[in-house]
Amino acid sequence: MIGVDDNPQNLGVIPCAIAWLFKIINEQKEQTGARFSVRVSAVEVTGKQETLKDLLADVAAGTKIRS
């Protein structure tokens, strides 16, 4: 998902998606003068209990998904 940082051709899905997003934002900003706000979350779902882990939190607490 992340890829190898030392070679741009080996970047993973996440860095490519973020680079694409900011490229599009910058193009729109230059063309229209629009302002943008970007919010990001990263969650990992693990195990049979489907425990959630916030990958961006300093202290990640597990939470079970309710169905």
PDB file of N, CA and C in Angstrom:
ATOM      1  N   MET A   1       0.812  -1.190   0.000  1.00  0.00           N
ATOM      2  CA  MET A   1       0.000   0.000   0.000  1.00  0.00           C
ATOM      3  C   MET A   1       0.865   1.268   0.000  1.00  0.00           C
ATOM      4  N   ILE A   2       2.020   1.201   0.623  1.00  0.00           N
ATOM      5  CA  ILE A   2       2.876   2.386   0.718  1.00  0.00           C
ATOM      6  C   ILE A   2       3.947   2.384  -0.362  1.00  0.00           C
ATOM      7  N   GLY A   3       4.551   1.238  -0.625  1.00  0.00           N
ATOM      8  CA  GLY A   3       5.580   1.144  -1.649  1.00  0.00           C
ATOM      9  C   GLY A   3       6.954   1.472  -1.121  1.00  0.00           C
ATOM     10  N   VAL A   4       7.872   1.727  -2.042  1.00  0.00           N
ATOM     11  CA  VAL A   4       9.261   2.025  -1.706  1.00  0.00           C
ATOM     12  C   VAL A   4       9.512   3.515  -1.947  1.00  0.00           C
ATOM     13  N   ASP A   5       9.943   4.214  -0.897  1.00  0.00           N
ATOM     14  CA  ASP A   5      10.119   5.665  -0.970  1.00  0.00           C
ATOM     15  C   ASP A   5      11.268   6.126  -1.862  1.00  0.00           C
ATOM     16  N   ASP A   6      12.302   5.306  -2.009  1.00  0.00           N
ATOM     17  CA  ASP A   6      13.484   5.779  -2.719  1.00  0.00           C
ATOM     18  C   ASP A   6      13.345   5.759  -4.240  1.00  0.00           C
ATOM     19  N   ASN A   7      12.240   5.241  -4.755  1.00  0.00           N
ATOM     20  CA  ASN A   7      12.040   5.196  -6.199  1.00  0.00           C
ATOM     21  C   ASN A   7      10.597   5.585  -6.515  1.00  0.00           C
ATOM     22  N   PRO A   8      10.377   6.724  -7.170  1.00  0.00           N
ATOM     23  CA  PRO A   8       9.008   7.175  -7.457  1.00  0.00           C
ATOM     24  C   PRO A   8       8.184   6.168  -8.264  1.00  0.00           C
ATOM     25  N   GLN A   9       8.837   5.311  -9.034  1.00  0.00           N
ATOM     26  CA  GLN A   9       8.110   4.320  -9.815  1.00  0.00           C
ATOM     27  C   GLN A   9       7.584   3.174  -8.959  1.00  0.00           C
ATOM     28  N   ASN A  10       8.078   3.060  -7.741  1.00  0.00           N
ATOM     29  CA  ASN A  10       7.664   1.980  -6.847  1.00  0.00           C
ATOM     30  C   ASN A  10       6.768   2.458  -5.718  1.00  0.00           C
ATOM     31  N   LEU A  11       6.170   3.644  -5.881  1.00  0.00           N
ATOM     32  CA  LEU A  11       5.271   4.140  -4.845  1.00  0.00           C
ATOM     33  C   LEU A  11       4.007   3.298  -4.822  1.00  0.00           C
ATOM     34  N   GLY A  12       3.437   3.168  -3.655  1.00  0.00           N
ATOM     35  CA  GLY A  12       2.222   2.383  -3.502  1.00  0.00           C
ATOM     36  C   GLY A  12       0.973   3.198  -3.766  1.00  0.00           C
ATOM     37  N   VAL A  13      -0.163   2.580  -3.488  1.00  0.00           N
ATOM     38  CA  VAL A  13      -1.464   3.186  -3.745  1.00  0.00           C
ATOM     39  C   VAL A  13      -1.662   4.462  -2.930  1.00  0.00           C
ATOM     40  N   ILE A  14      -1.298   4.437  -1.669  1.00  0.00           N
ATOM     41  CA  ILE A  14      -1.551   5.586  -0.785  1.00  0.00           C
ATOM     42  C   ILE A  14      -0.779   6.824  -1.239  1.00  0.00           C
ATOM     43  N   PRO A  15       0.549   6.768  -1.417  1.00  0.00           N
ATOM     44  CA  PRO A  15       1.259   7.964  -1.863  1.00  0.00           C
ATOM     45  C   PRO A  15       0.807   8.452  -3.242  1.00  0.00           C
ATOM     46  N   CYS A  16       0.486   7.509  -4.140  1.00  0.00           N
ATOM     47  CA  CYS A  16       0.016   7.910  -5.472  1.00  0.00           C
ATOM     48  C   CYS A  16      -1.323   8.631  -5.379  1.00  0.00           C
ATOM     49  N   ALA A  17      -2.229   8.121  -4.557  1.00  0.00           N
ATOM     50  CA  ALA A  17      -3.539   8.750  -4.397  1.00  0.00           C
ATOM     51  C   ALA A  17      -3.412  10.138  -3.789  1.00  0.00           C
ATOM     52  N   ILE A  18      -2.541  10.292  -2.803  1.00  0.00           N
ATOM     53  CA  ILE A  18      -2.350  11.594  -2.167  1.00  0.00           C
ATOM     54  C   ILE A  18      -1.716  12.576  -3.145  1.00  0.00           C
ATOM     55  N   ALA A  19      -0.717  12.123  -3.897  1.00  0.00           N
ATOM     56  CA  ALA A  19      -0.083  12.987  -4.899  1.00  0.00           C
ATOM     57  C   ALA A  19      -1.092  13.426  -5.955  1.00  0.00           C
ATOM     58  N   TRP A  20      -1.935  12.485  -6.426  1.00  0.00           N
ATOM     59  CA  TRP A  20      -2.962  12.805  -7.415  1.00  0.00           C
ATOM     60  C   TRP A  20      -3.950  13.821  -6.853  1.00  0.00           C
ATOM     61  N   LEU A  21      -4.387  13.613  -5.620  1.00  0.00           N
ATOM     62  CA  LEU A  21      -5.351  14.512  -4.990  1.00  0.00           C
ATOM     63  C   LEU A  21      -4.815  15.940  -4.939  1.00  0.00           C
ATOM     64  N   PHE A  22      -3.583  16.107  -4.467  1.00  0.00           N
ATOM     65  CA  PHE A  22      -3.028  17.451  -4.349  1.00  0.00           C
ATOM     66  C   PHE A  22      -2.697  18.061  -5.706  1.00  0.00           C
ATOM     67  N   LYS A  23      -2.398  17.252  -6.698  1.00  0.00           N
ATOM     68  CA  LYS A  23      -2.192  17.754  -8.062  1.00  0.00           C
ATOM     69  C   LYS A  23      -3.496  18.357  -8.584  1.00  0.00           C
ATOM     70  N   ILE A  24      -4.595  17.613  -8.421  1.00  0.00           N
ATOM     71  CA  ILE A  24      -5.898  18.099  -8.866  1.00  0.00           C
ATOM     72  C   ILE A  24      -6.310  19.341  -8.094  1.00  0.00           C
ATOM     73  N   ILE A  25      -6.075  19.353  -6.798  1.00  0.00           N
ATOM     74  CA  ILE A  25      -6.411  20.529  -5.977  1.00  0.00           C
ATOM     75  C   ILE A  25      -5.640  21.744  -6.466  1.00  0.00           C
ATOM     76  N   ASN A  26      -4.351  21.591  -6.708  1.00  0.00           N
ATOM     77  CA  ASN A  26      -3.538  22.724  -7.177  1.00  0.00           C
ATOM     78  C   ASN A  26      -3.993  23.226  -8.542  1.00  0.00           C
ATOM     79  N   GLU A  27      -4.361  22.300  -9.434  1.00  0.00           N
ATOM     80  CA  GLU A  27      -4.871  22.716 -10.746  1.00  0.00           C
ATOM     81  C   GLU A  27      -6.161  23.513 -10.605  1.00  0.00           C
ATOM     82  N   GLN A  28      -7.065  23.028  -9.785  1.00  0.00           N
ATOM     83  CA  GLN A  28      -8.340  23.728  -9.579  1.00  0.00           C
ATOM     84  C   GLN A  28      -8.129  25.076  -8.892  1.00  0.00           C
ATOM     85  N   LYS A  29      -7.193  25.095  -7.972  1.00  0.00           N
ATOM     86  CA  LYS A  29      -6.880  26.336  -7.248  1.00  0.00           C
ATOM     87  C   LYS A  29      -6.364  27.396  -8.217  1.00  0.00           C
ATOM     88  N   GLU A  30      -5.480  26.988  -9.137  1.00  0.00           N
ATOM     89  CA  GLU A  30      -4.937  27.925 -10.121  1.00  0.00           C
ATOM     90  C   GLU A  30      -6.002  28.385 -11.111  1.00  0.00           C
ATOM     91  N   GLN A  31      -6.893  27.478 -11.534  1.00  0.00           N
ATOM     92  CA  GLN A  31      -7.904  27.811 -12.532  1.00  0.00           C
ATOM     93  C   GLN A  31      -9.053  28.635 -11.965  1.00  0.00           C
ATOM     94  N   THR A  32      -9.483  28.292 -10.758  1.00  0.00           N
ATOM     95  CA  THR A  32     -10.696  28.914 -10.226  1.00  0.00           C
ATOM     96  C   THR A  32     -10.478  29.768  -8.992  1.00  0.00           C
ATOM     97  N   GLY A  33      -9.355  29.607  -8.339  1.00  0.00           N
ATOM     98  CA  GLY A  33      -9.099  30.326  -7.094  1.00  0.00           C
ATOM     99  C   GLY A  33      -9.827  29.717  -5.910  1.00  0.00           C
ATOM    100  N   ALA A  34     -10.418  28.538  -6.122  1.00  0.00           N
ATOM    101  CA  ALA A  34     -11.159  27.863  -5.052  1.00  0.00           C
ATOM    102  C   ALA A  34     -10.223  27.486  -3.906  1.00  0.00           C
ATOM    103  N   ARG A  35     -10.812  27.391  -2.723  1.00  0.00           N
ATOM    104  CA  ARG A  35     -10.064  26.962  -1.541  1.00  0.00           C
ATOM    105  C   ARG A  35     -10.507  25.562  -1.170  1.00  0.00           C
ATOM    106  N   PHE A  36      -9.579  24.767  -0.690  1.00  0.00           N
ATOM    107  CA  PHE A  36      -9.881  23.381  -0.355  1.00  0.00           C
ATOM    108  C   PHE A  36      -9.433  23.059   1.053  1.00  0.00           C
ATOM    109  N   SER A  37     -10.113  22.106   1.643  1.00  0.00           N
ATOM    110  CA  SER A  37      -9.740  21.568   2.947  1.00  0.00           C
ATOM    111  C   SER A  37      -9.686  20.051   2.801  1.00  0.00           C
ATOM    112  N   VAL A  38      -8.614  19.447   3.261  1.00  0.00           N
ATOM    113  CA  VAL A  38      -8.442  18.001   3.123  1.00  0.00           C
ATOM    114  C   VAL A  38      -8.354  17.389   4.518  1.00  0.00           C
ATOM    115  N   ARG A  39      -9.176  16.369   4.746  1.00  0.00           N
ATOM    116  CA  ARG A  39      -9.135  15.620   5.997  1.00  0.00           C
ATOM    117  C   ARG A  39      -8.831  14.168   5.654  1.00  0.00           C
ATOM    118  N   VAL A  40      -7.973  13.545   6.437  1.00  0.00           N
ATOM    119  CA  VAL A  40      -7.542  12.184   6.146  1.00  0.00           C
ATOM    120  C   VAL A  40      -7.755  11.308   7.374  1.00  0.00           C
ATOM    121  N   SER A  41      -8.199  10.096   7.119  1.00  0.00           N
ATOM    122  CA  SER A  41      -8.241   9.094   8.180  1.00  0.00           C
ATOM    123  C   SER A  41      -7.646   7.809   7.618  1.00  0.00           C
ATOM    124  N   ALA A  42      -7.053   7.046   8.482  1.00  0.00           N
ATOM    125  CA  ALA A  42      -6.476   5.767   8.082  1.00  0.00           C
ATOM    126  C   ALA A  42      -6.846   4.751   9.151  1.00  0.00           C
ATOM    127  N   VAL A  43      -7.590   3.730   8.737  1.00  0.00           N
ATOM    128  CA  VAL A  43      -8.093   2.735   9.672  1.00  0.00           C
ATOM    129  C   VAL A  43      -7.695   1.349   9.188  1.00  0.00           C
ATOM    130  N   GLU A  44      -7.288   0.528  10.123  1.00  0.00           N
ATOM    131  CA  GLU A  44      -6.955  -0.862   9.831  1.00  0.00           C
ATOM    132  C   GLU A  44      -8.018  -1.747  10.495  1.00  0.00           C
ATOM    133  N   VAL A  45      -8.564  -2.698   9.752  1.00  0.00           N
ATOM    134  CA  VAL A  45      -9.527  -3.653  10.289  1.00  0.00           C
ATOM    135  C   VAL A  45      -8.819  -4.996  10.374  1.00  0.00           C
ATOM    136  N   THR A  46      -8.809  -5.585  11.582  1.00  0.00           N
ATOM    137  CA  THR A  46      -8.071  -6.837  11.765  1.00  0.00           C
ATOM    138  C   THR A  46      -8.909  -7.893  12.479  1.00  0.00           C
ATOM    139  N   GLY A  47      -8.600  -9.125  12.180  1.00  0.00           N
ATOM    140  CA  GLY A  47      -9.129 -10.268  12.907  1.00  0.00           C
ATOM    141  C   GLY A  47     -10.589 -10.581  12.673  1.00  0.00           C
ATOM    142  N   LYS A  48     -10.998 -11.726  13.223  1.00  0.00           N
ATOM    143  CA  LYS A  48     -12.383 -12.167  13.109  1.00  0.00           C
ATOM    144  C   LYS A  48     -13.326 -11.236  13.853  1.00  0.00           C
ATOM    145  N   GLN A  49     -12.825 -10.578  14.872  1.00  0.00           N
ATOM    146  CA  GLN A  49     -13.644  -9.641  15.647  1.00  0.00           C
ATOM    147  C   GLN A  49     -13.765  -8.285  14.957  1.00  0.00           C
ATOM    148  N   GLU A  50     -13.087  -8.146  13.826  1.00  0.00           N
ATOM    149  CA  GLU A  50     -13.085  -6.910  13.037  1.00  0.00           C
ATOM    150  C   GLU A  50     -12.763  -5.690  13.906  1.00  0.00           C
ATOM    151  N   THR A  51     -11.628  -5.765  14.572  1.00  0.00           N
ATOM    152  CA  THR A  51     -11.164  -4.677  15.426  1.00  0.00           C
ATOM    153  C   THR A  51     -10.604  -3.550  14.572  1.00  0.00           C
ATOM    154  N   LEU A  52     -11.016  -2.326  14.892  1.00  0.00           N
ATOM    155  CA  LEU A  52     -10.526  -1.148  14.175  1.00  0.00           C
ATOM    156  C   LEU A  52      -9.334  -0.553  14.896  1.00  0.00           C
ATOM    157  N   LYS A  53      -8.353  -0.112  14.121  1.00  0.00           N
ATOM    158  CA  LYS A  53      -7.193   0.568  14.689  1.00  0.00           C
ATOM    159  C   LYS A  53      -6.984   1.837  13.890  1.00  0.00           C
ATOM    160  N   ASP A  54      -7.009   2.983  14.572  1.00  0.00           N
ATOM    161  CA  ASP A  54      -6.750   4.269  13.936  1.00  0.00           C
ATOM    162  C   ASP A  54      -5.245   4.387  13.734  1.00  0.00           C
ATOM    163  N   LEU A  55      -4.795   4.369  12.490  1.00  0.00           N
ATOM    164  CA  LEU A  55      -3.366   4.368  12.198  1.00  0.00           C
ATOM    165  C   LEU A  55      -2.718   5.738  12.362  1.00  0.00           C
ATOM    166  N   LEU A  56      -3.514   6.778  12.534  1.00  0.00           N
ATOM    167  CA  LEU A  56      -2.962   8.124  12.679  1.00  0.00           C
ATOM    168  C   LEU A  56      -3.008   8.630  14.117  1.00  0.00           C
ATOM    169  N   ALA A  57      -3.607   7.866  15.027  1.00  0.00           N
ATOM    170  CA  ALA A  57      -3.716   8.278  16.425  1.00  0.00           C
ATOM    171  C   ALA A  57      -2.415   7.973  17.164  1.00  0.00           C
ATOM    172  N   ASP A  58      -2.092   8.841  18.130  1.00  0.00           N
ATOM    173  CA  ASP A  58      -0.904   8.602  18.957  1.00  0.00           C
ATOM    174  C   ASP A  58      -1.074   7.327  19.781  1.00  0.00           C
ATOM    175  N   VAL A  59      -2.244   7.174  20.381  1.00  0.00           N
ATOM    176  CA  VAL A  59      -2.559   5.980  21.154  1.00  0.00           C
ATOM    177  C   VAL A  59      -3.806   5.382  20.528  1.00  0.00           C
ATOM    178  N   ALA A  60      -3.607   4.343  19.714  1.00  0.00           N
ATOM    179  CA  ALA A  60      -4.734   3.734  19.004  1.00  0.00           C
ATOM    180  C   ALA A  60      -5.460   2.763  19.915  1.00  0.00           C
ATOM    181  N   ALA A  61      -6.769   2.962  20.059  1.00  0.00           N
ATOM    182  CA  ALA A  61      -7.600   2.061  20.840  1.00  0.00           C
ATOM    183  C   ALA A  61      -8.406   1.210  19.890  1.00  0.00           C
ATOM    184  N   GLY A  62      -8.517  -0.071  20.174  1.00  0.00           N
ATOM    185  CA  GLY A  62      -9.286  -0.978  19.320  1.00  0.00           C
ATOM    186  C   GLY A  62     -10.778  -0.777  19.524  1.00  0.00           C
ATOM    187  N   THR A  63     -11.538  -0.822  18.465  1.00  0.00           N
ATOM    188  CA  THR A  63     -12.982  -0.699  18.501  1.00  0.00           C
ATOM    189  C   THR A  63     -13.577  -1.765  17.594  1.00  0.00           C
ATOM    190  N   LYS A  64     -14.611  -2.441  18.072  1.00  0.00           N
ATOM    191  CA  LYS A  64     -15.241  -3.498  17.281  1.00  0.00           C
ATOM    192  C   LYS A  64     -16.295  -2.886  16.355  1.00  0.00           C
ATOM    193  N   ILE A  65     -16.342  -3.397  15.118  1.00  0.00           N
ATOM    194  CA  ILE A  65     -17.348  -2.950  14.162  1.00  0.00           C
ATOM    195  C   ILE A  65     -18.679  -3.581  14.537  1.00  0.00           C
ATOM    196  N   ARG A  66     -19.720  -2.782  14.546  1.00  0.00           N
ATOM    197  CA  ARG A  66     -21.056  -3.296  14.817  1.00  0.00           C
ATOM    198  C   ARG A  66     -21.790  -3.512  13.508  1.00  0.00           C
ATOM    199  N   SER A  67     -22.486  -4.627  13.408  1.00  0.00           N
ATOM    200  CA  SER A  67     -23.244  -4.870  12.177  1.00  0.00           C
ATOM    201  C   SER A  67     -24.729  -4.819  12.419  1.00  0.00           C
TER     202      SER A  67
END
